[in-house]
Amino acid sequence: SPLVLVARTDAEAATMIDSNIDPVDHPFIKGVTTKGVEPLYEAIRTGKDKDWEQRSGCMTFPDAVAKALKAKGTDPAKWLKDSLKMSMTQMKEAA
């Protein structure tokens, strides 16, 4: 079958999307899960961005909840499927 690759960028400037205004994007937005790690923009500015994702525990909200569910011995498969159709507000309520 043919390969289809889809990526979302700003249509005018072809830059990465940097806002969270669209609820459709919420399940895919990554965030920091480790306290005390500098923001990504600061890591880039100071040249410390090579291992930033690992140091920051960077993951999506659905992945963070799935990690907590696994730690409690609960299968996160249903959560991971359902969360892809939720806004951040809906995910927080469901979590």
PDB file of N, CA and C in Angstrom:
ATOM      1  N   SER A   1       0.838  -1.186   0.000  1.00  0.00           N
ATOM      2  CA  SER A   1       0.000   0.000   0.000  1.00  0.00           C
ATOM      3  C   SER A   1       0.882   1.248   0.000  1.00  0.00           C
ATOM      4  N   PRO A   2       0.402   2.350  -0.522  1.00  0.00           N
ATOM      5  CA  PRO A   2       1.200   3.576  -0.577  1.00  0.00           C
ATOM      6  C   PRO A   2       1.356   4.189   0.813  1.00  0.00           C
ATOM      7  N   LEU A   3       2.459   4.834   1.026  1.00  0.00           N
ATOM      8  CA  LEU A   3       2.751   5.500   2.293  1.00  0.00           C
ATOM      9  C   LEU A   3       2.211   6.920   2.254  1.00  0.00           C
ATOM     10  N   VAL A   4       1.483   7.309   3.295  1.00  0.00           N
ATOM     11  CA  VAL A   4       0.967   8.669   3.402  1.00  0.00           C
ATOM     12  C   VAL A   4       1.527   9.270   4.672  1.00  0.00           C
ATOM     13  N   LEU A   5       2.184  10.398   4.555  1.00  0.00           N
ATOM     14  CA  LEU A   5       2.765  11.088   5.700  1.00  0.00           C
ATOM     15  C   LEU A   5       2.056  12.420   5.864  1.00  0.00           C
ATOM     16  N   VAL A   6       1.558  12.682   7.057  1.00  0.00           N
ATOM     17  CA  VAL A   6       0.832  13.916   7.320  1.00  0.00           C
ATOM     18  C   VAL A   6       1.506  14.644   8.462  1.00  0.00           C
ATOM     19  N   ALA A   7       1.741  15.939   8.289  1.00  0.00           N
ATOM     20  CA  ALA A   7       2.306  16.768   9.348  1.00  0.00           C
ATOM     21  C   ALA A   7       1.559  18.082   9.359  1.00  0.00           C
ATOM     22  N   ARG A   8       1.375  18.638  10.531  1.00  0.00           N
ATOM     23  CA  ARG A   8       0.643  19.895  10.635  1.00  0.00           C
ATOM     24  C   ARG A   8       1.588  21.036  10.928  1.00  0.00           C
ATOM     25  N   THR A   9       1.514  22.061  10.123  1.00  0.00           N
ATOM     26  CA  THR A   9       2.316  23.260  10.345  1.00  0.00           C
ATOM     27  C   THR A   9       1.433  24.479  10.108  1.00  0.00           C
ATOM     28  N   ASP A  10       1.968  25.627  10.442  1.00  0.00           N
ATOM     29  CA  ASP A  10       1.289  26.876  10.145  1.00  0.00           C
ATOM     30  C   ASP A  10       1.259  27.020   8.623  1.00  0.00           C
ATOM     31  N   ALA A  11       0.099  27.271   8.046  1.00  0.00           N
ATOM     32  CA  ALA A  11      -0.049  27.296   6.588  1.00  0.00           C
ATOM     33  C   ALA A  11       0.721  28.435   5.927  1.00  0.00           C
ATOM     34  N   GLU A  12       0.841  29.561   6.606  1.00  0.00           N
ATOM     35  CA  GLU A  12       1.510  30.704   5.986  1.00  0.00           C
ATOM     36  C   GLU A  12       3.022  30.642   6.123  1.00  0.00           C
ATOM     37  N   ALA A  13       3.504  30.293   7.305  1.00  0.00           N
ATOM     38  CA  ALA A  13       4.940  30.366   7.557  1.00  0.00           C
ATOM     39  C   ALA A  13       5.628  29.006   7.569  1.00  0.00           C
ATOM     40  N   ALA A  14       4.858  27.929   7.523  1.00  0.00           N
ATOM     41  CA  ALA A  14       5.391  26.567   7.570  1.00  0.00           C
ATOM     42  C   ALA A  14       6.220  26.338   8.827  1.00  0.00           C
ATOM     43  N   THR A  15       5.784  26.946   9.917  1.00  0.00           N
ATOM     44  CA  THR A  15       6.442  26.725  11.203  1.00  0.00           C
ATOM     45  C   THR A  15       5.594  25.768  12.023  1.00  0.00           C
ATOM     46  N   MET A  16       6.209  25.186  13.040  1.00  0.00           N
ATOM     47  CA  MET A  16       5.457  24.275  13.894  1.00  0.00           C
ATOM     48  C   MET A  16       4.374  25.041  14.651  1.00  0.00           C
ATOM     49  N   ILE A  17       3.276  24.387  14.888  1.00  0.00           N
ATOM     50  CA  ILE A  17       2.186  25.006  15.640  1.00  0.00           C
ATOM     51  C   ILE A  17       2.653  25.210  17.075  1.00  0.00           C
ATOM     52  N   ASP A  18       2.470  26.409  17.584  1.00  0.00           N
ATOM     53  CA  ASP A  18       2.955  26.708  18.930  1.00  0.00           C
ATOM     54  C   ASP A  18       1.866  27.243  19.856  1.00  0.00           C
ATOM     55  N   SER A  19       0.628  26.923  19.565  1.00  0.00           N
ATOM     56  CA  SER A  19      -0.447  27.299  20.476  1.00  0.00           C
ATOM     57  C   SER A  19      -1.305  26.067  20.750  1.00  0.00           C
ATOM     58  N   ASN A  20      -2.084  26.148  21.783  1.00  0.00           N
ATOM     59  CA  ASN A  20      -2.939  25.017  22.135  1.00  0.00           C
ATOM     60  C   ASN A  20      -4.413  25.375  22.028  1.00  0.00           C
ATOM     61  N   ILE A  21      -4.732  26.311  21.166  1.00  0.00           N
ATOM     62  CA  ILE A  21      -6.102  26.804  21.065  1.00  0.00           C
ATOM     63  C   ILE A  21      -7.052  25.789  20.438  1.00  0.00           C
ATOM     64  N   ASP A  22      -6.574  24.924  19.574  1.00  0.00           N
ATOM     65  CA  ASP A  22      -7.428  23.963  18.885  1.00  0.00           C
ATOM     66  C   ASP A  22      -7.543  22.674  19.706  1.00  0.00           C
ATOM     67  N   PRO A  23      -8.731  22.355  20.235  1.00  0.00           N
ATOM     68  CA  PRO A  23      -8.907  21.149  21.051  1.00  0.00           C
ATOM     69  C   PRO A  23      -8.528  19.857  20.338  1.00  0.00           C
ATOM     70  N   VAL A  24      -8.596  19.853  19.013  1.00  0.00           N
ATOM     71  CA  VAL A  24      -8.218  18.654  18.255  1.00  0.00           C
ATOM     72  C   VAL A  24      -6.740  18.324  18.464  1.00  0.00           C
ATOM     73  N   ASP A  25      -5.922  19.350  18.727  1.00  0.00           N
ATOM     74  CA  ASP A  25      -4.487  19.149  18.930  1.00  0.00           C
ATOM     75  C   ASP A  25      -4.141  18.673  20.332  1.00  0.00           C
ATOM     76  N   HIS A  26      -5.024  18.867  21.303  1.00  0.00           N
ATOM     77  CA  HIS A  26      -4.696  18.631  22.707  1.00  0.00           C
ATOM     78  C   HIS A  26      -4.091  17.262  23.016  1.00  0.00           C
ATOM     79  N   PRO A  27      -4.615  16.166  22.493  1.00  0.00           N
ATOM     80  CA  PRO A  27      -4.014  14.869  22.832  1.00  0.00           C
ATOM     81  C   PRO A  27      -2.588  14.680  22.303  1.00  0.00           C
ATOM     82  N   PHE A  28      -2.144  15.552  21.416  1.00  0.00           N
ATOM     83  CA  PHE A  28      -0.840  15.377  20.777  1.00  0.00           C
ATOM     84  C   PHE A  28       0.209  16.374  21.267  1.00  0.00           C
ATOM     85  N   ILE A  29      -0.186  17.275  22.149  1.00  0.00           N
ATOM     86  CA  ILE A  29       0.736  18.291  22.657  1.00  0.00           C
ATOM     87  C   ILE A  29       1.570  17.683  23.772  1.00  0.00           C
ATOM     88  N   LYS A  30       2.874  17.799  23.641  1.00  0.00           N
ATOM     89  CA  LYS A  30       3.773  17.247  24.653  1.00  0.00           C
ATOM     90  C   LYS A  30       4.079  18.286  25.719  1.00  0.00           C
ATOM     91  N   GLY A  31       4.322  17.797  26.921  1.00  0.00           N
ATOM     92  CA  GLY A  31       4.663  18.671  28.035  1.00  0.00           C
ATOM     93  C   GLY A  31       5.691  18.021  28.946  1.00  0.00           C
ATOM     94  N   VAL A  32       6.194  18.806  29.871  1.00  0.00           N
ATOM     95  CA  VAL A  32       7.214  18.369  30.818  1.00  0.00           C
ATOM     96  C   VAL A  32       6.553  17.657  31.990  1.00  0.00           C
ATOM     97  N   THR A  33       7.133  16.547  32.429  1.00  0.00           N
ATOM     98  CA  THR A  33       6.622  15.845  33.595  1.00  0.00           C
ATOM     99  C   THR A  33       7.635  15.799  34.737  1.00  0.00           C
ATOM    100  N   THR A  34       8.805  16.393  34.537  1.00  0.00           N
ATOM    101  CA  THR A  34       9.845  16.429  35.561  1.00  0.00           C
ATOM    102  C   THR A  34      10.012  17.859  36.056  1.00  0.00           C
ATOM    103  N   LYS A  35       9.817  18.073  37.357  1.00  0.00           N
ATOM    104  CA  LYS A  35       9.950  19.414  37.922  1.00  0.00           C
ATOM    105  C   LYS A  35      11.394  19.887  37.855  1.00  0.00           C
ATOM    106  N   GLY A  36      11.555  21.194  37.652  1.00  0.00           N
ATOM    107  CA  GLY A  36      12.871  21.812  37.683  1.00  0.00           C
ATOM    108  C   GLY A  36      13.625  21.838  36.375  1.00  0.00           C
ATOM    109  N   VAL A  37      13.066  21.253  35.316  1.00  0.00           N
ATOM    110  CA  VAL A  37      13.732  21.260  34.018  1.00  0.00           C
ATOM    111  C   VAL A  37      13.353  22.553  33.294  1.00  0.00           C
ATOM    112  N   GLU A  38      14.344  23.178  32.677  1.00  0.00           N
ATOM    113  CA  GLU A  38      14.102  24.434  31.973  1.00  0.00           C
ATOM    114  C   GLU A  38      13.144  24.232  30.801  1.00  0.00           C
ATOM    115  N   PRO A  39      12.410  25.276  30.430  1.00  0.00           N
ATOM    116  CA  PRO A  39      11.532  25.185  29.264  1.00  0.00           C
ATOM    117  C   PRO A  39      12.335  24.902  27.992  1.00  0.00           C
ATOM    118  N   LEU A  40      11.695  24.303  27.007  1.00  0.00           N
ATOM    119  CA  LEU A  40      12.379  23.949  25.762  1.00  0.00           C
ATOM    120  C   LEU A  40      13.022  25.156  25.102  1.00  0.00           C
ATOM    121  N   TYR A  41      12.310  26.296  25.056  1.00  0.00           N
ATOM    122  CA  TYR A  41      12.881  27.477  24.393  1.00  0.00           C
ATOM    123  C   TYR A  41      14.194  27.891  25.054  1.00  0.00           C
ATOM    124  N   GLU A  42      14.295  27.740  26.373  1.00  0.00           N
ATOM    125  CA  GLU A  42      15.538  28.084  27.072  1.00  0.00           C
ATOM    126  C   GLU A  42      16.630  27.056  26.768  1.00  0.00           C
ATOM    127  N   ALA A  43      16.272  25.789  26.712  1.00  0.00           N
ATOM    128  CA  ALA A  43      17.242  24.742  26.383  1.00  0.00           C
ATOM    129  C   ALA A  43      17.795  24.954  24.977  1.00  0.00           C
ATOM    130  N   ILE A  44      16.944  25.348  24.042  1.00  0.00           N
ATOM    131  CA  ILE A  44      17.398  25.626  22.677  1.00  0.00           C
ATOM    132  C   ILE A  44      18.331  26.831  22.669  1.00  0.00           C
ATOM    133  N   ARG A  45      17.928  27.881  23.380  1.00  0.00           N
ATOM    134  CA  ARG A  45      18.718  29.118  23.415  1.00  0.00           C
ATOM    135  C   ARG A  45      20.113  28.882  24.003  1.00  0.00           C
ATOM    136  N   THR A  46      20.212  27.999  24.996  1.00  0.00           N
ATOM    137  CA  THR A  46      21.500  27.756  25.653  1.00  0.00           C
ATOM    138  C   THR A  46      22.238  26.538  25.094  1.00  0.00           C
ATOM    139  N   GLY A  47      21.671  25.904  24.071  1.00  0.00           N
ATOM    140  CA  GLY A  47      22.330  24.763  23.445  1.00  0.00           C
ATOM    141  C   GLY A  47      22.244  23.485  24.259  1.00  0.00           C
ATOM    142  N   LYS A  48      21.280  23.382  25.156  1.00  0.00           N
ATOM    143  CA  LYS A  48      21.128  22.192  25.997  1.00  0.00           C
ATOM    144  C   LYS A  48      19.893  21.382  25.598  1.00  0.00           C
ATOM    145  N   ASP A  49      19.540  21.451  24.327  1.00  0.00           N
ATOM    146  CA  ASP A  49      18.305  20.819  23.881  1.00  0.00           C
ATOM    147  C   ASP A  49      18.476  19.396  23.355  1.00  0.00           C
ATOM    148  N   LYS A  50      19.692  18.915  23.225  1.00  0.00           N
ATOM    149  CA  LYS A  50      19.912  17.594  22.628  1.00  0.00           C
ATOM    150  C   LYS A  50      19.243  16.472  23.414  1.00  0.00           C
ATOM    151  N   ASP A  51      19.294  16.538  24.747  1.00  0.00           N
ATOM    152  CA  ASP A  51      18.691  15.498  25.573  1.00  0.00           C
ATOM    153  C   ASP A  51      17.503  16.018  26.380  1.00  0.00           C
ATOM    154  N   TRP A  52      16.953  17.147  25.959  1.00  0.00           N
ATOM    155  CA  TRP A  52      15.885  17.792  26.726  1.00  0.00           C
ATOM    156  C   TRP A  52      14.660  16.906  26.903  1.00  0.00           C
ATOM    157  N   GLU A  53      14.228  16.214  25.843  1.00  0.00           N
ATOM    158  CA  GLU A  53      13.031  15.370  25.958  1.00  0.00           C
ATOM    159  C   GLU A  53      13.209  14.301  27.029  1.00  0.00           C
ATOM    160  N   GLN A  54      14.378  13.706  27.086  1.00  0.00           N
ATOM    161  CA  GLN A  54      14.642  12.674  28.096  1.00  0.00           C
ATOM    162  C   GLN A  54      14.719  13.293  29.486  1.00  0.00           C
ATOM    163  N   ARG A  55      15.445  14.407  29.634  1.00  0.00           N
ATOM    164  CA  ARG A  55      15.594  15.049  30.943  1.00  0.00           C
ATOM    165  C   ARG A  55      14.270  15.574  31.481  1.00  0.00           C
ATOM    166  N   SER A  56      13.406  16.036  30.587  1.00  0.00           N
ATOM    167  CA  SER A  56      12.156  16.664  31.012  1.00  0.00           C
ATOM    168  C   SER A  56      11.017  15.672  31.217  1.00  0.00           C
ATOM    169  N   GLY A  57      11.228  14.425  30.818  1.00  0.00           N
ATOM    170  CA  GLY A  57      10.133  13.464  30.897  1.00  0.00           C
ATOM    171  C   GLY A  57       9.010  13.843  29.948  1.00  0.00           C
ATOM    172  N   CYS A  58       9.366  14.423  28.825  1.00  0.00           N
ATOM    173  CA  CYS A  58       8.411  14.967  27.869  1.00  0.00           C
ATOM    174  C   CYS A  58       7.480  13.875  27.344  1.00  0.00           C
ATOM    175  N   MET A  59       6.168  14.132  27.467  1.00  0.00           N
ATOM    176  CA  MET A  59       5.169  13.213  26.930  1.00  0.00           C
ATOM    177  C   MET A  59       3.830  13.928  26.819  1.00  0.00           C
ATOM    178  N   THR A  60       2.909  13.305  26.119  1.00  0.00           N
ATOM    179  CA  THR A  60       1.568  13.867  25.998  1.00  0.00           C
ATOM    180  C   THR A  60       0.787  13.596  27.279  1.00  0.00           C
ATOM    181  N   PHE A  61      -0.300  14.331  27.486  1.00  0.00           N
ATOM    182  CA  PHE A  61      -1.157  14.098  28.648  1.00  0.00           C
ATOM    183  C   PHE A  61      -1.714  12.671  28.628  1.00  0.00           C
ATOM    184  N   PRO A  62      -2.210  12.190  27.469  1.00  0.00           N
ATOM    185  CA  PRO A  62      -2.684  10.797  27.451  1.00  0.00           C
ATOM    186  C   PRO A  62      -1.595   9.795  27.848  1.00  0.00           C
ATOM    187  N   ASP A  63      -0.362  10.033  27.416  1.00  0.00           N
ATOM    188  CA  ASP A  63       0.733   9.131  27.782  1.00  0.00           C
ATOM    189  C   ASP A  63       1.052   9.211  29.274  1.00  0.00           C
ATOM    190  N   ALA A  64       0.965  10.411  29.856  1.00  0.00           N
ATOM    191  CA  ALA A  64       1.215  10.569  31.287  1.00  0.00           C
ATOM    192  C   ALA A  64       0.163   9.827  32.106  1.00  0.00           C
ATOM    193  N   VAL A  65      -1.101   9.933  31.702  1.00  0.00           N
ATOM    194  CA  VAL A  65      -2.170   9.213  32.400  1.00  0.00           C
ATOM    195  C   VAL A  65      -1.986   7.706  32.215  1.00  0.00           C
ATOM    196  N   ALA A  66      -1.629   7.287  31.013  1.00  0.00           N
ATOM    197  CA  ALA A  66      -1.407   5.858  30.747  1.00  0.00           C
ATOM    198  C   ALA A  66      -0.283   5.324  31.632  1.00  0.00           C
ATOM    199  N   LYS A  67       0.755   6.107  31.813  1.00  0.00           N
ATOM    200  CA  LYS A  67       1.872   5.701  32.673  1.00  0.00           C
ATOM    201  C   LYS A  67       1.384   5.512  34.115  1.00  0.00           C
ATOM    202  N   ALA A  68       0.551   6.439  34.587  1.00  0.00           N
ATOM    203  CA  ALA A  68      -0.004   6.330  35.946  1.00  0.00           C
ATOM    204  C   ALA A  68      -0.932   5.118  36.064  1.00  0.00           C
ATOM    205  N   LEU A  69      -1.733   4.866  35.029  1.00  0.00           N
ATOM    206  CA  LEU A  69      -2.616   3.704  35.044  1.00  0.00           C
ATOM    207  C   LEU A  69      -1.811   2.408  35.107  1.00  0.00           C
ATOM    208  N   LYS A  70      -0.756   2.323  34.303  1.00  0.00           N
ATOM    209  CA  LYS A  70       0.101   1.126  34.305  1.00  0.00           C
ATOM    210  C   LYS A  70       0.711   0.911  35.683  1.00  0.00           C
ATOM    211  N   ALA A  71       1.138   2.019  36.320  1.00  0.00           N
ATOM    212  CA  ALA A  71       1.743   1.926  37.649  1.00  0.00           C
ATOM    213  C   ALA A  71       0.748   1.378  38.680  1.00  0.00           C
ATOM    214  N   LYS A  72      -0.543   1.588  38.434  1.00  0.00           N
ATOM    215  CA  LYS A  72      -1.587   1.077  39.325  1.00  0.00           C
ATOM    216  C   LYS A  72      -2.066  -0.317  38.906  1.00  0.00           C
ATOM    217  N   GLY A  73      -1.479  -0.858  37.845  1.00  0.00           N
ATOM    218  CA  GLY A  73      -1.851  -2.186  37.377  1.00  0.00           C
ATOM    219  C   GLY A  73      -3.076  -2.208  36.484  1.00  0.00           C
ATOM    220  N   THR A  74      -3.440  -1.040  35.926  1.00  0.00           N
ATOM    221  CA  THR A  74      -4.613  -0.942  35.053  1.00  0.00           C
ATOM    222  C   THR A  74      -4.166  -0.855  33.596  1.00  0.00           C
ATOM    223  N   ASP A  75      -4.841  -1.573  32.721  1.00  0.00           N
ATOM    224  CA  ASP A  75      -4.532  -1.529  31.295  1.00  0.00           C
ATOM    225  C   ASP A  75      -4.981  -0.177  30.720  1.00  0.00           C
ATOM    226  N   PRO A  76      -4.070   0.599  30.134  1.00  0.00           N
ATOM    227  CA  PRO A  76      -4.422   1.926  29.625  1.00  0.00           C
ATOM    228  C   PRO A  76      -4.954   1.952  28.190  1.00  0.00           C
ATOM    229  N   ALA A  77      -5.159   0.801  27.567  1.00  0.00           N
ATOM    230  CA  ALA A  77      -5.524   0.763  26.145  1.00  0.00           C
ATOM    231  C   ALA A  77      -6.798   1.553  25.846  1.00  0.00           C
ATOM    232  N   LYS A  78      -7.846   1.366  26.640  1.00  0.00           N
ATOM    233  CA  LYS A  78      -9.098   2.083  26.399  1.00  0.00           C
ATOM    234  C   LYS A  78      -8.890   3.578  26.573  1.00  0.00           C
ATOM    235  N   TRP A  79      -8.170   3.975  27.618  1.00  0.00           N
ATOM    236  CA  TRP A  79      -7.886   5.391  27.855  1.00  0.00           C
ATOM    237  C   TRP A  79      -7.155   5.998  26.659  1.00  0.00           C
ATOM    238  N   LEU A  80      -6.121   5.315  26.191  1.00  0.00           N
ATOM    239  CA  LEU A  80      -5.331   5.847  25.078  1.00  0.00           C
ATOM    240  C   LEU A  80      -6.180   6.015  23.823  1.00  0.00           C
ATOM    241  N   LYS A  81      -7.091   5.103  23.582  1.00  0.00           N
ATOM    242  CA  LYS A  81      -7.972   5.201  22.409  1.00  0.00           C
ATOM    243  C   LYS A  81      -8.974   6.346  22.587  1.00  0.00           C
ATOM    244  N   ASP A  82      -9.640   6.369  23.730  1.00  0.00           N
ATOM    245  CA  ASP A  82     -10.680   7.371  23.972  1.00  0.00           C
ATOM    246  C   ASP A  82     -10.128   8.788  24.071  1.00  0.00           C
ATOM    247  N   SER A  83      -8.955   8.944  24.645  1.00  0.00           N
ATOM    248  CA  SER A  83      -8.400  10.286  24.868  1.00  0.00           C
ATOM    249  C   SER A  83      -8.072  11.017  23.568  1.00  0.00           C
ATOM    250  N   LEU A  84      -7.886  10.297  22.487  1.00  0.00           N
ATOM    251  CA  LEU A  84      -7.561  10.932  21.212  1.00  0.00           C
ATOM    252  C   LEU A  84      -8.712  11.758  20.649  1.00  0.00           C
ATOM    253  N   LYS A  85      -9.899  11.580  21.226  1.00  0.00           N
ATOM    254  CA  LYS A  85     -11.076  12.314  20.764  1.00  0.00           C
ATOM    255  C   LYS A  85     -11.496  13.382  21.772  1.00  0.00           C
ATOM    256  N   MET A  86     -10.627  13.687  22.737  1.00  0.00           N
ATOM    257  CA  MET A  86     -10.988  14.619  23.814  1.00  0.00           C
ATOM    258  C   MET A  86     -10.137  15.880  23.795  1.00  0.00           C
ATOM    259  N   SER A  87     -10.733  16.962  24.306  1.00  0.00           N
ATOM    260  CA  SER A  87      -9.961  18.182  24.552  1.00  0.00           C
ATOM    261  C   SER A  87      -9.225  18.012  25.877  1.00  0.00           C
ATOM    262  N   MET A  88      -8.354  18.944  26.212  1.00  0.00           N
ATOM    263  CA  MET A  88      -7.622  18.861  27.472  1.00  0.00           C
ATOM    264  C   MET A  88      -8.589  18.875  28.658  1.00  0.00           C
ATOM    265  N   THR A  89      -9.599  19.720  28.606  1.00  0.00           N
ATOM    266  CA  THR A  89     -10.580  19.791  29.685  1.00  0.00           C
ATOM    267  C   THR A  89     -11.281  18.438  29.847  1.00  0.00           C
ATOM    268  N   GLN A  90     -11.677  17.841  28.756  1.00  0.00           N
ATOM    269  CA  GLN A  90     -12.346  16.543  28.809  1.00  0.00           C
ATOM    270  C   GLN A  90     -11.405  15.461  29.317  1.00  0.00           C
ATOM    271  N   MET A  91     -10.126  15.507  28.893  1.00  0.00           N
ATOM    272  CA  MET A  91      -9.163  14.511  29.358  1.00  0.00           C
ATOM    273  C   MET A  91      -8.936  14.631  30.854  1.00  0.00           C
ATOM    274  N   LYS A  92      -8.820  15.854  31.362  1.00  0.00           N
ATOM    275  CA  LYS A  92      -8.615  16.046  32.802  1.00  0.00           C
ATOM    276  C   LYS A  92      -9.796  15.498  33.595  1.00  0.00           C
ATOM    277  N   GLU A  93     -11.003  15.746  33.101  1.00  0.00           N
ATOM    278  CA  GLU A  93     -12.203  15.246  33.784  1.00  0.00           C
ATOM    279  C   GLU A  93     -12.245  13.706  33.755  1.00  0.00           C
ATOM    280  N   ALA A  94     -11.883  13.118  32.635  1.00  0.00           N
ATOM    281  CA  ALA A  94     -11.928  11.662  32.486  1.00  0.00           C
ATOM    282  C   ALA A  94     -10.810  10.963  33.258  1.00  0.00           C
ATOM    283  N   ALA A  95      -9.683  11.640  33.398  1.00  0.00           N
ATOM    284  CA  ALA A  95      -8.538  11.029  34.084  1.00  0.00           C
ATOM    285  C   ALA A  95      -8.840  10.896  35.557  1.00  0.00           C
TER     286      ALA A  95
END
